[in-house]
Amino acid sequence: MSYDLIYEKLPNLPISLSGSQCVLFNKEILICGGENSNLCYSYHTLKRQYKLICSYPQGVRLNGHAVLELAKVGRKTTILLSFGGKHKHTLAMKYRSVWNKADTYMNEWTKAKGLTLSNEEMWSVRAALGGQKKELLFIVYKPKNIIVFNIETLKLVTKSTLPIDKIYGGSCFVQTENEMLFFNWNNGLRIKYHEKTNRFKYERLSISPQFIAFDCSYVRVSDAILLFGGYDSHDKITDQIHVYFFKSKKWKQYPYRLPSSICNSFALLSSDSNWVYLIGGQNKSFGNSHFKIKIDDIVQ
């Protein structure tokens, strides 16, 4: 038996968007392009309005890229890094809020000086910041690569191969306190990285029979990972919600359903950890949906 999920619909995105990358910055959600658009927007969570930030440079094509927040500079500015995708790029933005009417600062993506993450295409790339000083960038991408890049020295530290057949579509890749978790298709891995030896240790994790998927959106909440939609083993886009509790190593499929079947959306946890935002995505076509779900309705 399934149940309709209680969710709150938010104003539709200004454009249809799939495969977007988003970053939470103060009361803003920074929406950084997608498969079908190079435009970047800020969504103000209190005003419930969108404002254009900028566009990616002409000639940049986004398809399976990643965007991360590298560092905050005071309260009003942050550094963003955008990279990867089928058509590789490495760009940075020193973002200053577009909601300050008195500020004439122009936000723009520029080439990251001295920073080239890889000469390879990184299609459906996933990344996480880790290391003792949060200076290590861990990146997984097709066909089954994992690399470590030091963002302070701007040097590649090591490259390895995941112990799987290959990566299908977009993976779930999450950083916990001292390790990383990876889920894709019928593969689950707990990944530990030893900084002194620059070596990886892999532990296989069980996969729920109901979760054989890729291109789902996901977010970590405490000791749980919430996974929304994506493709199932029959290449069908689903409306299911799965939860993996990584301390107990247990899966749970919730009876609640998303408002519609969706893949390639982006999930983002609110600053108070009470809500998860689901942004864009696609089913038969690119969508402009934007809604939020109460965490307590899922993790109980």
C-alpha atoms as a PDB file:
ATOM      1  CA  MET A   1       0.000   0.000   0.000  1.00  0.00           C
ATOM      2  CA  SER A   2       1.306   3.465  -0.865  1.00  0.00           C
ATOM      3  CA  TYR A   3       0.313   6.869   0.432  1.00  0.00           C
ATOM      4  CA  ASP A   4       0.496  10.344  -1.016  1.00  0.00           C
ATOM      5  CA  LEU A   5       3.277  12.304   0.593  1.00  0.00           C
ATOM      6  CA  ILE A   6       2.381  15.502   2.397  1.00  0.00           C
ATOM      7  CA  TYR A   7       4.458  18.165   0.691  1.00  0.00           C
ATOM      8  CA  GLU A   8       4.430  21.905   0.166  1.00  0.00           C
ATOM      9  CA  LYS A   9       4.459  23.184  -3.391  1.00  0.00           C
ATOM     10  CA  LEU A  10       6.710  26.179  -3.983  1.00  0.00           C
ATOM     11  CA  PRO A  11       6.721  28.660  -6.890  1.00  0.00           C
ATOM     12  CA  ASN A  12       7.700  26.955 -10.132  1.00  0.00           C
ATOM     13  CA  LEU A  13      11.227  27.428 -11.411  1.00  0.00           C
ATOM     14  CA  PRO A  14      11.619  30.291 -13.925  1.00  0.00           C
ATOM     15  CA  ILE A  15      12.721  27.686 -16.487  1.00  0.00           C
ATOM     16  CA  SER A  16      12.361  23.940 -16.955  1.00  0.00           C
ATOM     17  CA  LEU A  17      15.479  22.334 -15.531  1.00  0.00           C
ATOM     18  CA  SER A  18      16.938  18.849 -15.199  1.00  0.00           C
ATOM     19  CA  GLY A  19      20.274  17.766 -13.800  1.00  0.00           C
ATOM     20  CA  SER A  20      20.778  21.043 -11.974  1.00  0.00           C
ATOM     21  CA  GLN A  21      23.294  21.563  -9.185  1.00  0.00           C
ATOM     22  CA  CYS A  22      22.284  23.612  -6.147  1.00  0.00           C
ATOM     23  CA  VAL A  23      23.995  25.124  -3.111  1.00  0.00           C
ATOM     24  CA  LEU A  24      22.412  26.480   0.075  1.00  0.00           C
ATOM     25  CA  PHE A  25      23.816  29.901   1.028  1.00  0.00           C
ATOM     26  CA  ASN A  26      22.231  31.684   3.990  1.00  0.00           C
ATOM     27  CA  LYS A  27      18.551  32.084   3.024  1.00  0.00           C
ATOM     28  CA  GLU A  28      19.209  31.411  -0.650  1.00  0.00           C
ATOM     29  CA  ILE A  29      19.246  28.335  -2.847  1.00  0.00           C
ATOM     30  CA  LEU A  30      21.723  28.897  -5.667  1.00  0.00           C
ATOM     31  CA  ILE A  31      20.516  26.992  -8.734  1.00  0.00           C
ATOM     32  CA  CYS A  32      23.431  26.511 -11.125  1.00  0.00           C
ATOM     33  CA  GLY A  33      22.306  25.512 -14.603  1.00  0.00           C
ATOM     34  CA  GLY A  34      21.388  22.066 -15.875  1.00  0.00           C
ATOM     35  CA  GLU A  35      21.275  19.804 -18.912  1.00  0.00           C
ATOM     36  CA  ASN A  36      19.037  22.160 -20.838  1.00  0.00           C
ATOM     37  CA  SER A  37      20.060  25.598 -19.555  1.00  0.00           C
ATOM     38  CA  ASN A  38      23.167  27.600 -18.648  1.00  0.00           C
ATOM     39  CA  LEU A  39      21.225  30.089 -16.530  1.00  0.00           C
ATOM     40  CA  CYS A  40      21.809  30.394 -12.779  1.00  0.00           C
ATOM     41  CA  TYR A  41      19.211  31.658 -10.306  1.00  0.00           C
ATOM     42  CA  SER A  42      18.904  32.442  -6.628  1.00  0.00           C
ATOM     43  CA  TYR A  43      15.745  31.332  -4.833  1.00  0.00           C
ATOM     44  CA  HIS A  44      15.087  33.246  -1.609  1.00  0.00           C
ATOM     45  CA  THR A  45      13.534  30.822   0.875  1.00  0.00           C
ATOM     46  CA  LEU A  46      11.771  33.586   2.852  1.00  0.00           C
ATOM     47  CA  LYS A  47      10.651  35.814  -0.021  1.00  0.00           C
ATOM     48  CA  ARG A  48       9.786  32.739  -2.134  1.00  0.00           C
ATOM     49  CA  GLN A  49      11.045  34.508  -5.212  1.00  0.00           C
ATOM     50  CA  TYR A  50      13.676  33.854  -7.878  1.00  0.00           C
ATOM     51  CA  LYS A  51      16.299  36.246  -9.174  1.00  0.00           C
ATOM     52  CA  LEU A  52      18.719  35.733 -12.044  1.00  0.00           C
ATOM     53  CA  ILE A  53      22.379  35.487 -11.021  1.00  0.00           C
ATOM     54  CA  CYS A  54      24.166  35.054 -14.349  1.00  0.00           C
ATOM     55  CA  SER A  55      24.741  32.570 -17.146  1.00  0.00           C
ATOM     56  CA  TYR A  56      27.605  30.193 -17.698  1.00  0.00           C
ATOM     57  CA  PRO A  57      30.064  31.499 -20.329  1.00  0.00           C
ATOM     58  CA  GLN A  58      29.192  31.059 -23.981  1.00  0.00           C
ATOM     59  CA  GLY A  59      30.466  27.730 -25.241  1.00  0.00           C
ATOM     60  CA  VAL A  60      30.073  25.900 -21.917  1.00  0.00           C
ATOM     61  CA  ARG A  61      27.676  22.958 -22.196  1.00  0.00           C
ATOM     62  CA  LEU A  62      26.350  21.432 -19.000  1.00  0.00           C
ATOM     63  CA  ASN A  63      25.594  17.723 -18.934  1.00  0.00           C
ATOM     64  CA  GLY A  64      26.206  15.870 -15.685  1.00  0.00           C
ATOM     65  CA  HIS A  65      28.289  18.613 -14.015  1.00  0.00           C
ATOM     66  CA  ALA A  66      28.876  19.273 -10.299  1.00  0.00           C
ATOM     67  CA  VAL A  67      28.861  22.455  -8.212  1.00  0.00           C
ATOM     68  CA  LEU A  68      30.286  22.712  -4.697  1.00  0.00           C
ATOM     69  CA  GLU A  69      30.718  25.459  -2.137  1.00  0.00           C
ATOM     70  CA  LEU A  70      34.441  25.669  -1.402  1.00  0.00           C
ATOM     71  CA  ALA A  71      34.509  28.357   1.286  1.00  0.00           C
ATOM     72  CA  LYS A  72      32.504  31.223   2.749  1.00  0.00           C
ATOM     73  CA  VAL A  73      34.104  34.663   2.698  1.00  0.00           C
ATOM     74  CA  GLY A  74      32.387  36.506   5.512  1.00  0.00           C
ATOM     75  CA  ARG A  75      28.602  36.411   5.787  1.00  0.00           C
ATOM     76  CA  LYS A  76      27.680  37.733   2.360  1.00  0.00           C
ATOM     77  CA  THR A  77      30.088  36.000  -0.014  1.00  0.00           C
ATOM     78  CA  THR A  78      30.974  32.425  -0.904  1.00  0.00           C
ATOM     79  CA  ILE A  79      33.242  30.660  -3.399  1.00  0.00           C
ATOM     80  CA  LEU A  80      31.619  28.165  -5.773  1.00  0.00           C
ATOM     81  CA  LEU A  81      33.362  25.583  -7.953  1.00  0.00           C
ATOM     82  CA  SER A  82      31.698  24.137 -11.059  1.00  0.00           C
ATOM     83  CA  PHE A  83      33.308  21.313 -12.999  1.00  0.00           C
ATOM     84  CA  GLY A  84      32.963  18.118 -14.987  1.00  0.00           C
ATOM     85  CA  GLY A  85      30.156  16.921 -17.164  1.00  0.00           C
ATOM     86  CA  LYS A  86      30.186  15.331 -20.579  1.00  0.00           C
ATOM     87  CA  HIS A  87      31.628  18.579 -21.930  1.00  0.00           C
ATOM     88  CA  LYS A  88      34.317  19.232 -19.333  1.00  0.00           C
ATOM     89  CA  HIS A  89      34.879  22.612 -17.702  1.00  0.00           C
ATOM     90  CA  THR A  90      36.412  23.964 -14.480  1.00  0.00           C
ATOM     91  CA  LEU A  91      35.009  27.329 -13.385  1.00  0.00           C
ATOM     92  CA  ALA A  92      34.770  29.329 -10.179  1.00  0.00           C
ATOM     93  CA  MET A  93      32.468  32.065  -8.944  1.00  0.00           C
ATOM     94  CA  LYS A  94      32.875  34.460  -6.045  1.00  0.00           C
ATOM     95  CA  TYR A  95      29.184  34.797  -5.323  1.00  0.00           C
ATOM     96  CA  ARG A  96      27.709  37.807  -3.591  1.00  0.00           C
ATOM     97  CA  SER A  97      23.983  37.878  -2.862  1.00  0.00           C
ATOM     98  CA  VAL A  98      21.853  39.284  -5.662  1.00  0.00           C
ATOM     99  CA  TRP A  99      19.224  40.292  -3.124  1.00  0.00           C
ATOM    100  CA  ASN A 100      21.222  43.272  -1.867  1.00  0.00           C
ATOM    101  CA  LYS A 101      19.748  46.083  -3.947  1.00  0.00           C
ATOM    102  CA  ALA A 102      22.536  48.509  -3.056  1.00  0.00           C
ATOM    103  CA  ASP A 103      25.245  46.146  -4.318  1.00  0.00           C
ATOM    104  CA  THR A 104      26.284  46.563  -7.956  1.00  0.00           C
ATOM    105  CA  TYR A 105      28.665  43.584  -7.881  1.00  0.00           C
ATOM    106  CA  MET A 106      28.441  41.353 -10.970  1.00  0.00           C
ATOM    107  CA  ASN A 107      28.500  37.610 -10.341  1.00  0.00           C
ATOM    108  CA  GLU A 108      30.155  35.571 -13.084  1.00  0.00           C
ATOM    109  CA  TRP A 109      31.751  32.214 -13.750  1.00  0.00           C
ATOM    110  CA  THR A 110      35.445  32.542 -14.585  1.00  0.00           C
ATOM    111  CA  LYS A 111      38.187  30.067 -15.366  1.00  0.00           C
ATOM    112  CA  ALA A 112      39.641  28.652 -12.153  1.00  0.00           C
ATOM    113  CA  LYS A 113      43.284  29.732 -12.335  1.00  0.00           C
ATOM    114  CA  GLY A 114      45.729  26.874 -11.951  1.00  0.00           C
ATOM    115  CA  LEU A 115      42.931  24.392 -11.352  1.00  0.00           C
ATOM    116  CA  THR A 116      42.349  21.581 -13.841  1.00  0.00           C
ATOM    117  CA  LEU A 117      40.640  18.634 -12.203  1.00  0.00           C
ATOM    118  CA  SER A 118      41.008  16.189 -15.072  1.00  0.00           C
ATOM    119  CA  ASN A 119      41.685  16.018 -18.784  1.00  0.00           C
ATOM    120  CA  GLU A 120      38.919  13.425 -19.042  1.00  0.00           C
ATOM    121  CA  GLU A 121      35.215  13.955 -19.496  1.00  0.00           C
ATOM    122  CA  MET A 122      33.437  13.617 -16.145  1.00  0.00           C
ATOM    123  CA  TRP A 123      29.916  12.716 -17.178  1.00  0.00           C
ATOM    124  CA  SER A 124      27.410  12.333 -14.297  1.00  0.00           C
ATOM    125  CA  VAL A 125      30.160  13.352 -11.894  1.00  0.00           C
ATOM    126  CA  ARG A 126      29.584  13.315  -8.136  1.00  0.00           C
ATOM    127  CA  ALA A 127      31.856  14.974  -5.594  1.00  0.00           C
ATOM    128  CA  ALA A 128      32.343  15.520  -1.868  1.00  0.00           C
ATOM    129  CA  LEU A 129      34.747  17.532   0.275  1.00  0.00           C
ATOM    130  CA  GLY A 130      36.665  15.658   2.970  1.00  0.00           C
ATOM    131  CA  GLY A 131      40.020  15.224   4.639  1.00  0.00           C
ATOM    132  CA  GLN A 132      41.126  16.439   8.053  1.00  0.00           C
ATOM    133  CA  LYS A 133      41.176  20.053   6.876  1.00  0.00           C
ATOM    134  CA  LYS A 134      38.369  19.701   4.318  1.00  0.00           C
ATOM    135  CA  GLU A 135      40.986  20.295   1.649  1.00  0.00           C
ATOM    136  CA  LEU A 136      40.434  17.077  -0.291  1.00  0.00           C
ATOM    137  CA  LEU A 137      37.961  16.856  -3.127  1.00  0.00           C
ATOM    138  CA  PHE A 138      36.739  13.300  -3.778  1.00  0.00           C
ATOM    139  CA  ILE A 139      35.270  12.765  -7.239  1.00  0.00           C
ATOM    140  CA  VAL A 140      33.558   9.733  -8.801  1.00  0.00           C
ATOM    141  CA  TYR A 141      32.731   9.579 -12.499  1.00  0.00           C
ATOM    142  CA  LYS A 142      32.270   7.187 -15.411  1.00  0.00           C
ATOM    143  CA  PRO A 143      33.190   4.547 -16.249  1.00  0.00           C
ATOM    144  CA  LYS A 144      34.200   3.697 -12.626  1.00  0.00           C
ATOM    145  CA  ASN A 145      36.824   6.223 -11.535  1.00  0.00           C
ATOM    146  CA  ILE A 146      37.503   7.855  -8.192  1.00  0.00           C
ATOM    147  CA  ILE A 147      40.110  10.582  -7.775  1.00  0.00           C
ATOM    148  CA  VAL A 148      41.324  12.775  -4.931  1.00  0.00           C
ATOM    149  CA  PHE A 149      42.264  16.383  -5.607  1.00  0.00           C
ATOM    150  CA  ASN A 150      43.845  18.785  -3.100  1.00  0.00           C
ATOM    151  CA  ILE A 151      42.161  22.171  -3.509  1.00  0.00           C
ATOM    152  CA  GLU A 152      44.870  23.943  -1.489  1.00  0.00           C
ATOM    153  CA  THR A 153      47.876  22.711  -3.473  1.00  0.00           C
ATOM    154  CA  LEU A 154      45.848  22.412  -6.715  1.00  0.00           C
ATOM    155  CA  LYS A 155      47.325  18.981  -7.333  1.00  0.00           C
ATOM    156  CA  LEU A 156      45.912  15.556  -8.085  1.00  0.00           C
ATOM    157  CA  VAL A 157      46.666  13.316  -5.098  1.00  0.00           C
ATOM    158  CA  THR A 158      45.645   9.897  -6.380  1.00  0.00           C
ATOM    159  CA  LYS A 159      43.372   8.054  -8.788  1.00  0.00           C
ATOM    160  CA  SER A 160      41.765   4.653  -8.331  1.00  0.00           C
ATOM    161  CA  THR A 161      39.113   2.378  -9.807  1.00  0.00           C
ATOM    162  CA  LEU A 162      35.896   1.493  -8.005  1.00  0.00           C
ATOM    163  CA  PRO A 163      35.386  -2.292  -7.575  1.00  0.00           C
ATOM    164  CA  ILE A 164      32.252  -2.361  -9.742  1.00  0.00           C
ATOM    165  CA  ASP A 165      31.423  -3.152 -13.372  1.00  0.00           C
ATOM    166  CA  LYS A 166      30.602   0.430 -14.285  1.00  0.00           C
ATOM    167  CA  ILE A 167      28.641   3.500 -13.226  1.00  0.00           C
ATOM    168  CA  TYR A 168      25.135   3.844 -14.644  1.00  0.00           C
ATOM    169  CA  GLY A 169      23.827   7.403 -14.877  1.00  0.00           C
ATOM    170  CA  GLY A 170      24.125   9.538 -11.765  1.00  0.00           C
ATOM    171  CA  SER A 171      25.240   7.965  -8.496  1.00  0.00           C
ATOM    172  CA  CYS A 172      24.483   8.656  -4.857  1.00  0.00           C
ATOM    173  CA  PHE A 173      27.781   9.791  -3.286  1.00  0.00           C
ATOM    174  CA  VAL A 174      27.733  11.058   0.302  1.00  0.00           C
ATOM    175  CA  GLN A 175      30.418  12.117   2.758  1.00  0.00           C
ATOM    176  CA  THR A 176      29.963  11.056   6.392  1.00  0.00           C
ATOM    177  CA  GLU A 177      32.280  11.836   9.311  1.00  0.00           C
ATOM    178  CA  ASN A 178      35.215   9.682   8.226  1.00  0.00           C
ATOM    179  CA  GLU A 179      34.147   7.846   5.086  1.00  0.00           C
ATOM    180  CA  MET A 180      32.075   8.002   1.931  1.00  0.00           C
ATOM    181  CA  LEU A 181      29.036   6.028   0.819  1.00  0.00           C
ATOM    182  CA  PHE A 182      28.388   5.187  -2.829  1.00  0.00           C
ATOM    183  CA  PHE A 183      25.236   3.698  -4.376  1.00  0.00           C
ATOM    184  CA  ASN A 184      24.649   3.060  -8.054  1.00  0.00           C
ATOM    185  CA  TRP A 185      22.483   0.443  -9.762  1.00  0.00           C
ATOM    186  CA  ASN A 186      23.034  -2.740  -7.705  1.00  0.00           C
ATOM    187  CA  ASN A 187      26.281  -1.585  -6.090  1.00  0.00           C
ATOM    188  CA  GLY A 188      26.786  -0.218  -2.618  1.00  0.00           C
ATOM    189  CA  LEU A 189      30.195   0.741  -1.239  1.00  0.00           C
ATOM    190  CA  ARG A 190      31.567   2.126   1.992  1.00  0.00           C
ATOM    191  CA  ILE A 191      34.782   3.926   1.034  1.00  0.00           C
ATOM    192  CA  LYS A 192      37.543   4.818   3.474  1.00  0.00           C
ATOM    193  CA  TYR A 193      40.533   6.893   2.437  1.00  0.00           C
ATOM    194  CA  HIS A 194      43.836   6.814   4.313  1.00  0.00           C
ATOM    195  CA  GLU A 195      45.550  10.173   3.915  1.00  0.00           C
ATOM    196  CA  LYS A 196      49.010   8.955   4.952  1.00  0.00           C
ATOM    197  CA  THR A 197      49.165   6.194   2.336  1.00  0.00           C
ATOM    198  CA  ASN A 198      46.760   7.705  -0.229  1.00  0.00           C
ATOM    199  CA  ARG A 199      44.961   4.378  -0.452  1.00  0.00           C
ATOM    200  CA  PHE A 200      41.296   3.449  -0.550  1.00  0.00           C
ATOM    201  CA  LYS A 201      39.596   0.664   1.362  1.00  0.00           C
ATOM    202  CA  TYR A 202      36.275  -0.599   0.006  1.00  0.00           C
ATOM    203  CA  GLU A 203      33.537  -2.459   1.831  1.00  0.00           C
ATOM    204  CA  ARG A 204      30.561  -3.811  -0.082  1.00  0.00           C
ATOM    205  CA  LEU A 205      27.150  -2.861   1.269  1.00  0.00           C
ATOM    206  CA  SER A 206      23.872  -4.655   0.777  1.00  0.00           C
ATOM    207  CA  ILE A 207      21.351  -3.142  -1.611  1.00  0.00           C
ATOM    208  CA  SER A 208      17.621  -3.210  -1.040  1.00  0.00           C
ATOM    209  CA  PRO A 209      15.897  -5.372  -3.715  1.00  0.00           C
ATOM    210  CA  GLN A 210      13.566  -2.421  -4.322  1.00  0.00           C
ATOM    211  CA  PHE A 211      16.482  -0.024  -4.789  1.00  0.00           C
ATOM    212  CA  ILE A 212      18.269  -0.856  -8.015  1.00  0.00           C
ATOM    213  CA  ALA A 213      18.477   2.628  -9.374  1.00  0.00           C
ATOM    214  CA  PHE A 214      20.399   5.594 -10.662  1.00  0.00           C
ATOM    215  CA  ASP A 215      19.738   9.280 -11.392  1.00  0.00           C
ATOM    216  CA  CYS A 216      17.911   9.673  -8.076  1.00  0.00           C
ATOM    217  CA  SER A 217      18.270  12.760  -5.901  1.00  0.00           C
ATOM    218  CA  TYR A 218      19.525  12.309  -2.363  1.00  0.00           C
ATOM    219  CA  VAL A 219      20.374  14.069   0.866  1.00  0.00           C
ATOM    220  CA  ARG A 220      21.940  13.074   4.160  1.00  0.00           C
ATOM    221  CA  VAL A 221      19.981  13.660   7.377  1.00  0.00           C
ATOM    222  CA  SER A 222      21.858  12.661  10.537  1.00  0.00           C
ATOM    223  CA  ASP A 223      22.625   8.928  10.170  1.00  0.00           C
ATOM    224  CA  ALA A 224      20.233   8.419   7.248  1.00  0.00           C
ATOM    225  CA  ILE A 225      20.428   8.967   3.503  1.00  0.00           C
ATOM    226  CA  LEU A 226      17.147   9.814   1.788  1.00  0.00           C
ATOM    227  CA  LEU A 227      16.867   8.880  -1.902  1.00  0.00           C
ATOM    228  CA  PHE A 228      14.098  10.232  -4.125  1.00  0.00           C
ATOM    229  CA  GLY A 229      12.851   8.886  -7.462  1.00  0.00           C
ATOM    230  CA  GLY A 230      15.322   7.923 -10.197  1.00  0.00           C
ATOM    231  CA  TYR A 231      15.318   4.953 -12.559  1.00  0.00           C
ATOM    232  CA  ASP A 232      14.578   1.426 -11.399  1.00  0.00           C
ATOM    233  CA  SER A 233      15.963  -1.853 -12.800  1.00  0.00           C
ATOM    234  CA  HIS A 234      13.431  -1.741 -15.647  1.00  0.00           C
ATOM    235  CA  ASP A 235      14.556   1.738 -16.769  1.00  0.00           C
ATOM    236  CA  LYS A 236      11.319   3.123 -15.409  1.00  0.00           C
ATOM    237  CA  ILE A 237      11.254   6.473 -13.630  1.00  0.00           C
ATOM    238  CA  THR A 238       9.828   6.034 -10.138  1.00  0.00           C
ATOM    239  CA  ASP A 239       8.088   8.079  -7.468  1.00  0.00           C
ATOM    240  CA  GLN A 240       9.507   6.040  -4.592  1.00  0.00           C
ATOM    241  CA  ILE A 241      11.418   7.140  -1.503  1.00  0.00           C
ATOM    242  CA  HIS A 242      14.121   4.942   0.017  1.00  0.00           C
ATOM    243  CA  VAL A 243      16.113   5.510   3.193  1.00  0.00           C
ATOM    244  CA  TYR A 244      19.453   3.961   4.085  1.00  0.00           C
ATOM    245  CA  PHE A 245      20.523   4.046   7.739  1.00  0.00           C
ATOM    246  CA  PHE A 246      24.298   3.809   7.460  1.00  0.00           C
ATOM    247  CA  LYS A 247      25.069   3.099  11.119  1.00  0.00           C
ATOM    248  CA  SER A 248      22.783   0.069  11.248  1.00  0.00           C
ATOM    249  CA  LYS A 249      23.309  -0.712   7.521  1.00  0.00           C
ATOM    250  CA  LYS A 250      19.581  -1.119   6.958  1.00  0.00           C
ATOM    251  CA  TRP A 251      17.284  -0.086   4.118  1.00  0.00           C
ATOM    252  CA  LYS A 252      13.689   1.040   4.363  1.00  0.00           C
ATOM    253  CA  GLN A 253      11.264   1.741   1.560  1.00  0.00           C
ATOM    254  CA  TYR A 254       8.634   4.208   2.673  1.00  0.00           C
ATOM    255  CA  PRO A 255       4.972   3.833   1.649  1.00  0.00           C
ATOM    256  CA  TYR A 256       4.865   7.545   0.811  1.00  0.00           C
ATOM    257  CA  ARG A 257       5.119   8.546  -2.824  1.00  0.00           C
ATOM    258  CA  LEU A 258       6.435  11.678  -4.473  1.00  0.00           C
ATOM    259  CA  PRO A 259       3.856  13.909  -6.203  1.00  0.00           C
ATOM    260  CA  SER A 260       5.022  12.399  -9.504  1.00  0.00           C
ATOM    261  CA  SER A 261       7.655  10.060 -10.901  1.00  0.00           C
ATOM    262  CA  ILE A 262      10.885  11.988 -11.361  1.00  0.00           C
ATOM    263  CA  CYS A 263      14.594  11.601 -12.070  1.00  0.00           C
ATOM    264  CA  ASN A 264      17.544  13.999 -12.247  1.00  0.00           C
ATOM    265  CA  SER A 265      16.076  16.373  -9.689  1.00  0.00           C
ATOM    266  CA  PHE A 266      18.246  17.909  -6.968  1.00  0.00           C
ATOM    267  CA  ALA A 267      17.629  17.400  -3.239  1.00  0.00           C
ATOM    268  CA  LEU A 268      18.834  19.962  -0.717  1.00  0.00           C
ATOM    269  CA  LEU A 269      18.516  20.034   3.067  1.00  0.00           C
ATOM    270  CA  SER A 270      17.284  23.255   4.677  1.00  0.00           C
ATOM    271  CA  SER A 271      19.562  25.105   7.100  1.00  0.00           C
ATOM    272  CA  ASP A 272      17.469  23.983  10.087  1.00  0.00           C
ATOM    273  CA  SER A 273      17.404  20.363   8.803  1.00  0.00           C
ATOM    274  CA  ASN A 274      13.598  20.339   8.990  1.00  0.00           C
ATOM    275  CA  TRP A 275      12.874  20.302   5.263  1.00  0.00           C
ATOM    276  CA  VAL A 276      14.259  18.830   2.082  1.00  0.00           C
ATOM    277  CA  TYR A 277      13.838  20.794  -1.141  1.00  0.00           C
ATOM    278  CA  LEU A 278      13.369  18.942  -4.443  1.00  0.00           C
ATOM    279  CA  ILE A 279      14.266  21.088  -7.435  1.00  0.00           C
ATOM    280  CA  GLY A 280      13.540  20.422 -11.113  1.00  0.00           C
ATOM    281  CA  GLY A 281      14.029  17.034 -12.738  1.00  0.00           C
ATOM    282  CA  GLN A 282      12.351  15.229 -15.573  1.00  0.00           C
ATOM    283  CA  ASN A 283       9.928  12.508 -16.533  1.00  0.00           C
ATOM    284  CA  LYS A 284       8.833  12.573 -20.155  1.00  0.00           C
ATOM    285  CA  SER A 285      10.129  16.129 -20.417  1.00  0.00           C
ATOM    286  CA  PHE A 286      12.136  18.617 -18.379  1.00  0.00           C
ATOM    287  CA  GLY A 287      10.195  19.958 -15.411  1.00  0.00           C
ATOM    288  CA  ASN A 288       9.986  23.225 -13.500  1.00  0.00           C
ATOM    289  CA  SER A 289       8.623  21.788 -10.265  1.00  0.00           C
ATOM    290  CA  HIS A 290       9.888  22.908  -6.882  1.00  0.00           C
ATOM    291  CA  PHE A 291       8.530  21.637  -3.584  1.00  0.00           C
ATOM    292  CA  LYS A 292       9.640  20.773  -0.088  1.00  0.00           C
ATOM    293  CA  ILE A 293       8.955  17.849   2.217  1.00  0.00           C
ATOM    294  CA  LYS A 294       8.930  17.801   6.008  1.00  0.00           C
ATOM    295  CA  ILE A 295      11.767  15.571   7.222  1.00  0.00           C
ATOM    296  CA  ASP A 296       9.712  14.302  10.161  1.00  0.00           C
ATOM    297  CA  ASP A 297       7.189  12.880   7.693  1.00  0.00           C
ATOM    298  CA  ILE A 298       9.885  10.590   6.280  1.00  0.00           C
ATOM    299  CA  VAL A 299      12.389   9.858   9.040  1.00  0.00           C
ATOM    300  CA  GLN A 300      10.533   8.782  12.162  1.00  0.00           C
END
